[in-house]
C-alpha atoms as a PDB file:
ATOM      1  CA  MET A   1      17.225 143.735 121.219  1.00  0.00           C
ATOM      2  CA  LEU A   2      19.984 144.971 118.912  1.00  0.00           C
ATOM      3  CA  LYS A   3      22.479 143.605 115.746  1.00  0.00           C
ATOM      4  CA  THR A   4      25.198 144.864 115.569  1.00  0.00           C
ATOM      5  CA  GLN A   5      27.825 145.215 112.868  1.00  0.00           C
ATOM      6  CA  ASN A   6      31.444 145.944 112.660  1.00  0.00           C
ATOM      7  CA  ILE A   7      31.398 147.756 116.070  1.00  0.00           C
ATOM      8  CA  THR A   8      34.223 147.990 118.039  1.00  0.00           C
ATOM      9  CA  GLU A   9      34.914 148.388 121.687  1.00  0.00           C
ATOM     10  CA  GLU A  10      35.368 152.539 121.453  1.00  0.00           C
ATOM     11  CA  ARG A  11      32.200 152.977 119.635  1.00  0.00           C
ATOM     12  CA  LYS A  12      30.193 150.296 122.430  1.00  0.00           C
ATOM     13  CA  ARG A  13      31.448 152.747 124.676  1.00  0.00           C
ATOM     14  CA  ASP A  14      29.990 155.161 122.914  1.00  0.00           C
ATOM     15  CA  PHE A  15      27.136 153.487 122.950  1.00  0.00           C
ATOM     16  CA  PHE A  16      26.411 152.668 126.163  1.00  0.00           C
ATOM     17  CA  ASN A  17      27.393 155.663 127.497  1.00  0.00           C
ATOM     18  CA  TYR A  18      24.292 156.658 125.897  1.00  0.00           C
ATOM     19  CA  CYS A  19      22.757 154.359 127.170  1.00  0.00           C
ATOM     20  CA  LYS A  20      23.724 155.932 130.621  1.00  0.00           C
ATOM     21  CA  ASN A  21      22.517 159.971 129.390  1.00  0.00           C
ATOM     22  CA  GLN A  22      18.925 158.860 128.150  1.00  0.00           C
ATOM     23  CA  PRO A  23      16.604 158.944 130.723  1.00  0.00           C
ATOM     24  CA  ASN A  24      14.458 156.630 129.624  1.00  0.00           C
ATOM     25  CA  ILE A  25      16.091 154.271 129.099  1.00  0.00           C
ATOM     26  CA  TRP A  26      16.312 152.732 132.430  1.00  0.00           C
ATOM     27  CA  PHE A  27      18.255 148.478 131.472  1.00  0.00           C
ATOM     28  CA  PHE A  28      20.814 148.292 128.841  1.00  0.00           C
ATOM     29  CA  ASP A  29      23.850 145.557 128.430  1.00  0.00           C
ATOM     30  CA  VAL A  30      25.625 142.419 126.267  1.00  0.00           C
ATOM     31  CA  ALA A  31      23.389 139.704 125.311  1.00  0.00           C
ATOM     32  CA  LEU A  32      23.793 136.154 124.658  1.00  0.00           C
ATOM     33  CA  GLY A  33      21.984 134.768 121.505  1.00  0.00           C
ATOM     34  CA  ALA A  34      21.030 135.498 118.469  1.00  0.00           C
ATOM     35  CA  PHE A  35      21.184 139.520 119.274  1.00  0.00           C
ATOM     36  CA  ASP A  36      24.533 141.130 120.638  1.00  0.00           C
ATOM     37  CA  LEU A  37      22.882 144.074 122.639  1.00  0.00           C
ATOM     38  CA  GLU A  38      19.784 144.639 124.546  1.00  0.00           C
ATOM     39  CA  VAL A  39      18.398 147.933 125.707  1.00  0.00           C
ATOM     40  CA  ASN A  40      15.255 148.601 128.046  1.00  0.00           C
ATOM     41  CA  ALA A  41      13.365 152.329 128.279  1.00  0.00           C
ATOM     42  CA  GLU A  42      10.148 152.583 129.343  1.00  0.00           C
ATOM     43  CA  VAL A  43       8.428 155.567 127.641  1.00  0.00           C
ATOM     44  CA  GLU A  44       4.706 157.897 127.967  1.00  0.00           C
ATOM     45  CA  ASP A  45       3.650 156.430 124.085  1.00  0.00           C
ATOM     46  CA  ILE A  46       4.509 155.718 120.939  1.00  0.00           C
ATOM     47  CA  THR A  47       5.582 159.208 119.863  1.00  0.00           C
ATOM     48  CA  LYS A  48       8.875 159.942 122.425  1.00  0.00           C
ATOM     49  CA  PHE A  49      10.064 155.952 121.650  1.00  0.00           C
ATOM     50  CA  ARG A  50       9.542 157.066 117.839  1.00  0.00           C
ATOM     51  CA  GLU A  51      12.001 159.849 118.973  1.00  0.00           C
ATOM     52  CA  ILE A  52      14.854 157.471 120.730  1.00  0.00           C
ATOM     53  CA  MET A  53      14.666 155.056 118.108  1.00  0.00           C
ATOM     54  CA  ALA A  54      15.335 157.544 115.836  1.00  0.00           C
ATOM     55  CA  GLU A  55      18.215 159.466 117.953  1.00  0.00           C
ATOM     56  CA  ILE A  56      19.840 155.713 118.520  1.00  0.00           C
ATOM     57  CA  LYS A  57      19.760 154.903 114.703  1.00  0.00           C
ATOM     58  CA  GLU A  58      20.666 158.756 113.627  1.00  0.00           C
ATOM     59  CA  ASN A  59      23.809 158.158 115.859  1.00  0.00           C
ATOM     60  CA  PHE A  60      24.634 154.454 115.464  1.00  0.00           C
ATOM     61  CA  SER A  61      23.701 153.333 112.259  1.00  0.00           C
ATOM     62  CA  ASP A  62      27.385 152.100 111.379  1.00  0.00           C
ATOM     63  CA  ILE A  63      27.163 149.656 114.158  1.00  0.00           C
ATOM     64  CA  ILE A  64      23.266 148.106 113.622  1.00  0.00           C
ATOM     65  CA  LYS A  65      22.846 146.099 111.048  1.00  0.00           C
ATOM     66  CA  GLU A  66      18.950 145.333 112.497  1.00  0.00           C
ATOM     67  CA  TYR A  67      17.323 145.617 115.776  1.00  0.00           C
ATOM     68  CA  TYR A  68      13.244 143.676 117.325  1.00  0.00           C
ATOM     69  CA  ILE A  69      11.446 145.502 118.847  1.00  0.00           C
ATOM     70  CA  LEU A  70       9.192 144.036 122.127  1.00  0.00           C
ATOM     71  CA  ASN A  71       6.058 146.140 123.054  1.00  0.00           C
ATOM     72  CA  MET A  72       5.737 145.868 127.492  1.00  0.00           C
ATOM     73  CA  TRP A  73       2.122 147.477 128.325  1.00  0.00           C
ATOM     74  CA  LYS A  74       2.071 145.946 131.759  1.00  0.00           C
ATOM     75  CA  VAL A  75       5.504 144.442 134.172  1.00  0.00           C
ATOM     76  CA  TYR A  76       3.549 142.255 136.832  1.00  0.00           C
ATOM     77  CA  LYS A  77       7.016 140.882 138.087  1.00  0.00           C
ATOM     78  CA  PHE A  78       9.924 141.445 136.483  1.00  0.00           C
ATOM     79  CA  ASN A  79      12.462 138.770 137.911  1.00  0.00           C
ATOM     80  CA  PHE A  80      16.253 138.987 136.925  1.00  0.00           C
ATOM     81  CA  TYR A  81      17.331 135.865 138.959  1.00  0.00           C
ATOM     82  CA  PRO A  82      15.075 133.337 138.232  1.00  0.00           C
ATOM     83  CA  MET A  83      14.135 130.792 140.434  1.00  0.00           C
ATOM     84  CA  VAL A  84      15.460 126.827 139.663  1.00  0.00           C
ATOM     85  CA  VAL A  85      13.644 124.299 140.989  1.00  0.00           C
END
C-alpha cells in the first residue's frame, strides 16, 4: 500500500505500466482510505520482494511518500466481492 505525493496522471500511468510489465505483480489499483495505491505481488522469497521494492523506490521515489507492507504466507480464499447479509 502506497501513499503518494505530487503525483500526476502521467506518473500514475507510468507506475501502472510498470506494474503491468512486472511479472510478480498480479493486482494493482487506486485505493480509498489512508493509502492512495494498492499493489499485490507474489514472490518466491524475500530477496525477490526486496529487488522489486528497490526497483519501485528507484523509479518512483518522486511520487512515493510512504509505503506499508503486508505479508501473507497463505491465502485460503480471496474474494473481491464479499457477500452482504
